[in-house]
Protein backbone atom coordinates (compact mmCIF):
# COMPACT_ATOMS: atom_id res chain seq x y z
CA MET A 1 5.46 -5.26 0.12
CA HIS A 2 3.85 -6.48 3.34
CA PHE A 3 0.07 -7.05 2.96
CA ILE A 4 -0.82 -4.67 5.78
CA GLN A 5 1.39 -1.95 4.29
CA THR A 6 -0.13 -2.45 0.84
CA LEU A 7 -3.62 -2.27 2.31
CA ALA A 8 -2.82 0.94 4.19
CA ALA A 9 -1.40 2.44 1.00
CA ARG A 10 -4.65 1.67 -0.80
CA TRP A 11 -6.73 3.25 1.97
CA ARG A 12 -4.75 6.44 1.43
CA SER A 13 -4.41 6.49 -2.35
CA THR A 14 -8.02 5.57 -3.19
CA LYS A 15 -9.73 7.08 -0.14
CA SER A 16 -11.60 3.80 -0.06
CA MET A 17 -12.26 1.00 2.41
CA VAL A 18 -14.41 -0.91 -0.10
CA CYS A 19 -13.53 -4.52 -0.86
CA VAL A 20 -15.31 -6.11 -3.81
CA GLY A 21 -16.03 -9.77 -3.18
CA LEU A 22 -15.73 -11.92 -6.30
CA ASP A 23 -18.38 -14.60 -5.74
CA PRO A 24 -19.55 -15.47 -9.26
CA GLU A 25 -22.81 -17.43 -9.52
CA PRO A 26 -23.18 -19.04 -12.97
CA THR A 27 -26.97 -18.64 -12.99
CA ARG A 28 -26.68 -14.90 -12.27
CA LEU A 29 -24.18 -14.03 -14.97
CA PRO A 30 -25.44 -11.92 -17.88
CA ALA A 31 -26.91 -14.10 -20.59
CA HIS A 32 -24.05 -13.58 -23.03
CA LEU A 33 -21.57 -14.88 -20.43
CA ARG A 34 -23.66 -17.83 -19.27
CA GLU A 35 -23.09 -19.32 -22.71
CA SER A 36 -19.33 -18.71 -22.65
CA PRO A 37 -17.04 -21.58 -21.58
CA ASP A 38 -14.86 -18.97 -19.85
CA GLY A 39 -17.75 -16.93 -18.48
CA LEU A 40 -16.65 -16.86 -14.83
CA PHE A 41 -13.26 -15.43 -15.72
CA GLU A 42 -14.68 -12.93 -18.21
CA PHE A 43 -17.25 -11.76 -15.68
CA CYS A 44 -14.74 -11.30 -12.86
CA ARG A 45 -12.18 -9.63 -15.11
CA ALA A 46 -14.76 -7.09 -16.23
CA ILE A 47 -15.80 -6.37 -12.63
CA VAL A 48 -12.16 -5.97 -11.60
CA ASP A 49 -11.31 -3.62 -14.45
CA ALA A 50 -14.40 -1.50 -13.79
CA THR A 51 -13.79 -1.08 -10.05
CA ALA A 52 -10.05 -1.42 -9.37
CA ASP A 53 -9.43 2.31 -8.90
CA LEU A 54 -12.25 2.48 -6.32
CA VAL A 55 -11.30 -0.32 -3.93
CA CYS A 56 -8.78 -1.16 -1.25
CA CYS A 57 -8.73 -4.82 -2.30
CA PHE A 58 -10.55 -7.70 -3.97
CA LYS A 59 -11.76 -10.88 -2.26
CA PRO A 60 -12.40 -13.89 -4.51
CA GLN A 61 -14.29 -16.73 -2.80
CA ILE A 62 -12.65 -20.05 -3.60
CA ALA A 63 -15.78 -22.26 -3.42
CA HIS A 64 -17.56 -20.25 -6.11
CA PHE A 65 -14.81 -21.26 -8.51
CA ALA A 66 -14.04 -24.77 -7.25
CA ALA A 67 -17.69 -25.84 -7.40
CA GLN A 68 -17.61 -25.10 -11.13
CA ARG A 69 -14.24 -26.84 -11.65
CA ALA A 70 -12.92 -23.36 -12.43
CA GLU A 71 -9.84 -23.12 -10.21
CA ASP A 72 -7.88 -22.16 -13.32
CA ALA A 73 -10.19 -19.18 -13.74
CA LEU A 74 -9.48 -18.16 -10.15
CA GLU A 75 -5.73 -18.33 -10.79
CA ARG A 76 -6.13 -16.19 -13.89
CA VAL A 77 -8.36 -13.64 -12.13
CA ILE A 78 -5.77 -13.12 -9.41
CA ALA A 79 -2.96 -13.01 -11.97
CA HIS A 80 -4.92 -10.40 -13.93
CA ILE A 81 -5.38 -8.24 -10.84
CA HIS A 82 -1.65 -8.33 -10.11
CA ALA A 83 -0.69 -7.62 -13.73
CA ALA A 84 -3.28 -5.02 -14.70
CA HIS A 85 -3.76 -3.33 -11.32
CA PRO A 86 -0.50 -3.63 -9.39
CA GLY A 87 -0.71 -2.59 -5.78
CA VAL A 88 -4.28 -3.83 -5.31
CA PRO A 89 -4.11 -6.66 -2.74
CA VAL A 90 -6.09 -9.86 -3.12
CA ILE A 91 -7.67 -11.71 -0.19
CA LEU A 92 -8.44 -15.36 -0.93
CA ASP A 93 -11.64 -16.16 0.96
CA ALA A 94 -11.01 -19.81 1.82
CA LYS A 95 -11.48 -20.02 5.62
CA ARG A 96 -8.73 -22.61 5.94
CA GLY A 97 -7.66 -24.20 9.22
CA ASP A 98 -6.10 -27.62 9.72
CA ILE A 99 -3.13 -29.26 11.36
CA GLY A 100 0.34 -30.44 10.43
CA SER A 101 1.32 -30.87 6.82
CA THR A 102 -2.24 -30.17 5.68
CA ALA A 103 -2.03 -26.62 7.05
CA GLN A 104 1.29 -26.15 5.28
CA HIS A 105 -0.20 -27.31 1.99
CA TYR A 106 -3.14 -24.95 2.41
CA ALA A 107 -0.68 -22.07 2.90
CA THR A 108 1.19 -23.13 -0.23
CA GLU A 109 -2.09 -23.29 -2.13
CA ALA A 110 -3.15 -19.79 -1.10
CA PHE A 111 0.15 -17.97 -1.41
CA ASP A 112 2.15 -19.89 -4.02
CA ARG A 113 -0.46 -21.45 -6.29
CA TYR A 114 -3.05 -18.65 -6.24
CA ARG A 115 -0.59 -15.86 -5.33
CA ALA A 116 -3.04 -14.29 -2.88
CA ASP A 117 -1.80 -11.52 -0.63
CA ALA A 118 -3.93 -12.67 2.30
CA VAL A 119 -6.28 -15.50 3.16
CA THR A 120 -9.23 -15.94 5.51
CA LEU A 121 -8.67 -18.55 8.22
CA ASN A 122 -10.64 -20.46 10.85
CA PRO A 123 -8.87 -20.27 14.25
CA TYR A 124 -10.93 -22.92 16.04
CA LEU A 125 -8.33 -25.70 15.72
CA GLY A 126 -5.83 -23.53 17.57
CA ARG A 127 -2.64 -21.70 16.71
CA ASP A 128 -0.80 -24.65 15.17
CA SER A 129 -3.55 -24.94 12.56
CA VAL A 130 -2.75 -21.49 11.19
CA GLN A 131 0.94 -21.21 12.05
CA PRO A 132 2.13 -21.79 8.45
CA PHE A 133 0.09 -18.73 7.45
CA LEU A 134 1.32 -16.62 10.38
CA ASP A 135 4.90 -17.51 9.43
CA ARG A 136 4.49 -15.86 6.03
CA ALA A 137 5.22 -12.41 7.43
CA ASP A 138 4.63 -10.63 4.12
CA LYS A 139 1.16 -12.16 3.75
CA GLY A 140 -2.07 -11.46 5.62
CA ALA A 141 -3.75 -13.92 7.98
CA ILE A 142 -7.39 -12.86 8.38
CA LEU A 143 -9.02 -14.88 11.14
CA LEU A 144 -12.71 -15.43 11.83
CA CYS A 145 -13.81 -13.66 15.00
CA HIS A 146 -17.53 -12.79 14.87
CA THR A 147 -19.01 -13.68 11.50
CA SER A 148 -21.95 -11.98 9.78
CA ASN A 149 -24.36 -14.91 9.60
CA PRO A 150 -27.38 -15.22 11.96
CA GLY A 151 -26.00 -18.40 13.52
CA ALA A 152 -22.74 -16.73 14.55
CA ALA A 153 -23.96 -16.37 18.12
CA ASP A 154 -24.50 -20.13 18.49
CA MET A 155 -20.83 -20.61 19.34
CA GLN A 156 -19.02 -17.31 19.02
CA GLU A 157 -20.90 -15.72 21.92
CA LEU A 158 -20.58 -18.63 24.33
CA THR A 159 -19.04 -17.54 27.62
CA VAL A 160 -15.53 -18.86 28.23
CA ARG A 161 -13.01 -18.38 31.02
CA ASP A 162 -9.65 -16.83 30.22
CA GLY A 163 -6.39 -17.99 31.76
CA ASP A 164 -6.75 -15.32 34.43
CA GLY A 165 -10.20 -16.59 35.37
CA ALA A 166 -12.13 -13.74 33.77
CA GLU A 167 -15.23 -14.65 31.78
CA ARG A 168 -16.04 -13.19 28.39
CA PRO A 169 -17.68 -14.24 25.09
CA LEU A 170 -15.60 -16.58 22.97
CA TYR A 171 -15.23 -14.06 20.12
CA GLN A 172 -13.69 -11.54 22.51
CA HIS A 173 -11.29 -14.18 23.80
CA ILE A 174 -10.28 -14.94 20.20
CA ALA A 175 -9.79 -11.26 19.36
CA ALA A 176 -7.66 -10.60 22.43
CA MET A 177 -5.60 -13.76 22.01
CA ILE A 178 -4.80 -13.10 18.35
CA ALA A 179 -3.89 -9.47 19.01
CA ARG A 180 -1.75 -10.37 22.03
CA ASP A 181 -0.14 -13.68 21.08
CA TRP A 182 -0.53 -14.54 17.40
CA ASN A 183 0.31 -11.24 15.73
CA GLU A 184 4.08 -11.38 16.21
CA ASN A 185 4.69 -10.55 12.53
CA GLY A 186 2.07 -7.80 12.43
CA ASN A 187 0.20 -9.62 9.67
CA CYS A 188 -3.08 -10.55 11.37
CA ALA A 189 -6.55 -9.16 10.76
CA LEU A 190 -9.98 -10.27 11.98
CA VAL A 191 -13.36 -10.96 10.37
CA VAL A 192 -16.24 -9.21 12.14
CA GLY A 193 -19.64 -9.00 10.48
CA ALA A 194 -21.38 -5.72 9.71
CA THR A 195 -24.58 -7.28 11.04
CA TRP A 196 -23.17 -7.21 14.60
CA PRO A 197 -22.26 -3.54 15.22
CA GLU A 198 -22.03 -3.78 19.02
CA GLN A 199 -19.64 -6.71 18.77
CA LEU A 200 -17.67 -4.82 16.14
CA ALA A 201 -17.10 -1.98 18.61
CA GLN A 202 -16.01 -4.41 21.31
CA VAL A 203 -13.51 -6.10 19.00
CA ARG A 204 -12.08 -2.76 17.92
CA ALA A 205 -11.55 -1.81 21.57
CA LEU A 206 -9.66 -5.07 22.15
CA VAL A 207 -7.36 -5.08 19.11
CA GLY A 208 -6.37 -1.45 18.59
CA ASP A 209 -5.51 -0.60 14.98
CA MET A 210 -5.58 -4.17 13.64
CA PRO A 211 -7.46 -4.29 10.30
CA LEU A 212 -10.98 -5.71 10.39
CA LEU A 213 -12.56 -7.41 7.39
CA VAL A 214 -16.26 -6.57 7.61
CA PRO A 215 -18.64 -8.60 5.40
CA GLY A 216 -22.38 -8.20 5.54
CA VAL A 217 -23.17 -4.79 4.02
CA GLY A 218 -25.41 -4.76 0.97
CA ALA A 219 -27.38 -7.98 0.50
CA GLN A 220 -27.02 -9.05 4.15
CA GLY A 221 -28.31 -5.75 5.43
CA GLY A 222 -25.37 -4.45 7.46
CA ASP A 223 -25.54 -0.70 8.17
CA VAL A 224 -22.62 1.30 6.77
CA ALA A 225 -22.95 4.12 9.29
CA ALA A 226 -22.82 1.67 12.21
CA VAL A 227 -19.81 -0.11 10.72
CA VAL A 228 -17.81 3.10 10.41
CA ARG A 229 -18.93 4.42 13.78
CA ASN A 230 -18.07 1.22 15.63
CA GLY A 231 -15.20 -0.18 13.62
CA ALA A 232 -13.00 2.57 12.23
CA THR A 233 -9.72 3.42 13.92
CA PRO A 234 -9.07 6.93 15.33
CA SER A 235 -7.42 7.80 12.01
CA GLY A 236 -10.64 6.91 10.19
CA ASP A 237 -9.53 3.74 8.43
CA GLY A 238 -8.75 0.18 9.60
CA LEU A 239 -11.69 -1.43 7.81
CA ILE A 240 -12.06 -3.69 4.78
CA ILE A 241 -15.78 -3.32 4.07
CA SER A 242 -16.75 -6.14 1.75
CA SER A 243 -19.68 -6.20 -0.63
CA SER A 244 -20.28 -8.91 -3.18
CA ARG A 245 -23.79 -9.47 -4.54
CA ALA A 246 -24.89 -5.82 -4.34
CA ILE A 247 -21.99 -4.89 -6.63
CA LEU A 248 -21.60 -7.97 -8.82
CA TYR A 249 -25.28 -8.15 -9.73
CA ALA A 250 -26.16 -4.46 -9.78
CA SER A 251 -27.28 -5.19 -13.34
CA GLY A 252 -27.97 -8.42 -15.18
CA ASP A 253 -27.44 -7.15 -18.70
CA GLU A 254 -24.39 -6.40 -20.82
CA GLN A 255 -23.80 -3.17 -18.89
CA PHE A 256 -23.11 -5.13 -15.69
CA ALA A 257 -19.57 -3.81 -15.27
CA ALA A 258 -20.66 -0.17 -15.52
CA ALA A 259 -23.43 -0.86 -13.00
CA ALA A 260 -20.91 -2.52 -10.69
CA ARG A 261 -18.72 0.57 -10.91
CA THR A 262 -21.65 2.82 -10.01
CA ALA A 263 -22.56 0.60 -7.04
CA THR A 264 -18.94 0.65 -5.85
CA GLN A 265 -18.78 4.43 -6.15
CA SER A 266 -21.99 4.71 -4.13
CA LEU A 267 -20.68 2.47 -1.35
CA ARG A 268 -17.36 4.32 -1.20
CA ALA A 269 -19.18 7.65 -1.04
CA ALA A 270 -21.45 6.44 1.77
CA ILE A 271 -18.50 5.14 3.77
CA ASN A 272 -16.58 8.38 3.33
CA THR A 273 -19.60 10.45 4.31
CA PHE A 274 -19.77 8.65 7.62
CA ARG A 275 -16.00 8.90 8.04
CA ASP A 276 -16.31 12.67 7.66
CA ILE A 277 -19.18 12.82 10.16
CA ARG A 278 -17.18 10.71 12.62
CA ALA A 279 -14.17 13.00 12.25
């Protein structure tokens, strides 16, 4: 099934726009897993199994595995999600973007090696740098637009001139261009940080019902009410609200998976409360 269709099905079936980010930090694993040679996989598998019925998707971050020489664990985590929780899409957070054959190899890595359903991408090298991802019509291409970090404004809010001579911030130009020109297969989404609610509203106005991946709630301090108010579509969905550390490390003991489930339930409930208020 097409990534966007699968995502929409999850929004409906779980009544959830929560995405759990799988960003395992070896030093923050429970003590009994820090000593295990397969601790990263065991930790992520437990988090997945405890939260799968509460989420619209999972988002493993590739660097957190690669830095530990644990790419095999990443492959097995994604394979476990597909096997044990079919219908839950996986976004590979890799922020790829390159040209020529390199871009094609990155697409093969994400979709054929890791079997991700979508991947995060950097659009700043231009359309040809992400075309191999756009061409995979059944997969999701989630492009950086206005990121959650404090330095996002350094470049993303620079004023640029469109082809028609109008001036606007770069992130708005990117949003409009992707929605208008790059989304021919209907498989694009954008990354807009929860820490920039005004910009989130402006992007939503530019791209219609396109899904928005929203990092930055939880540890980064993004406000859930503002995210829903500014980013949800008229039907009350359209968002992939990602939380990593606040869920993964809700507890540091052997009950970490149960604590992660409770944190996920709390975030889903908060989101749905504000969806109801908005309605």
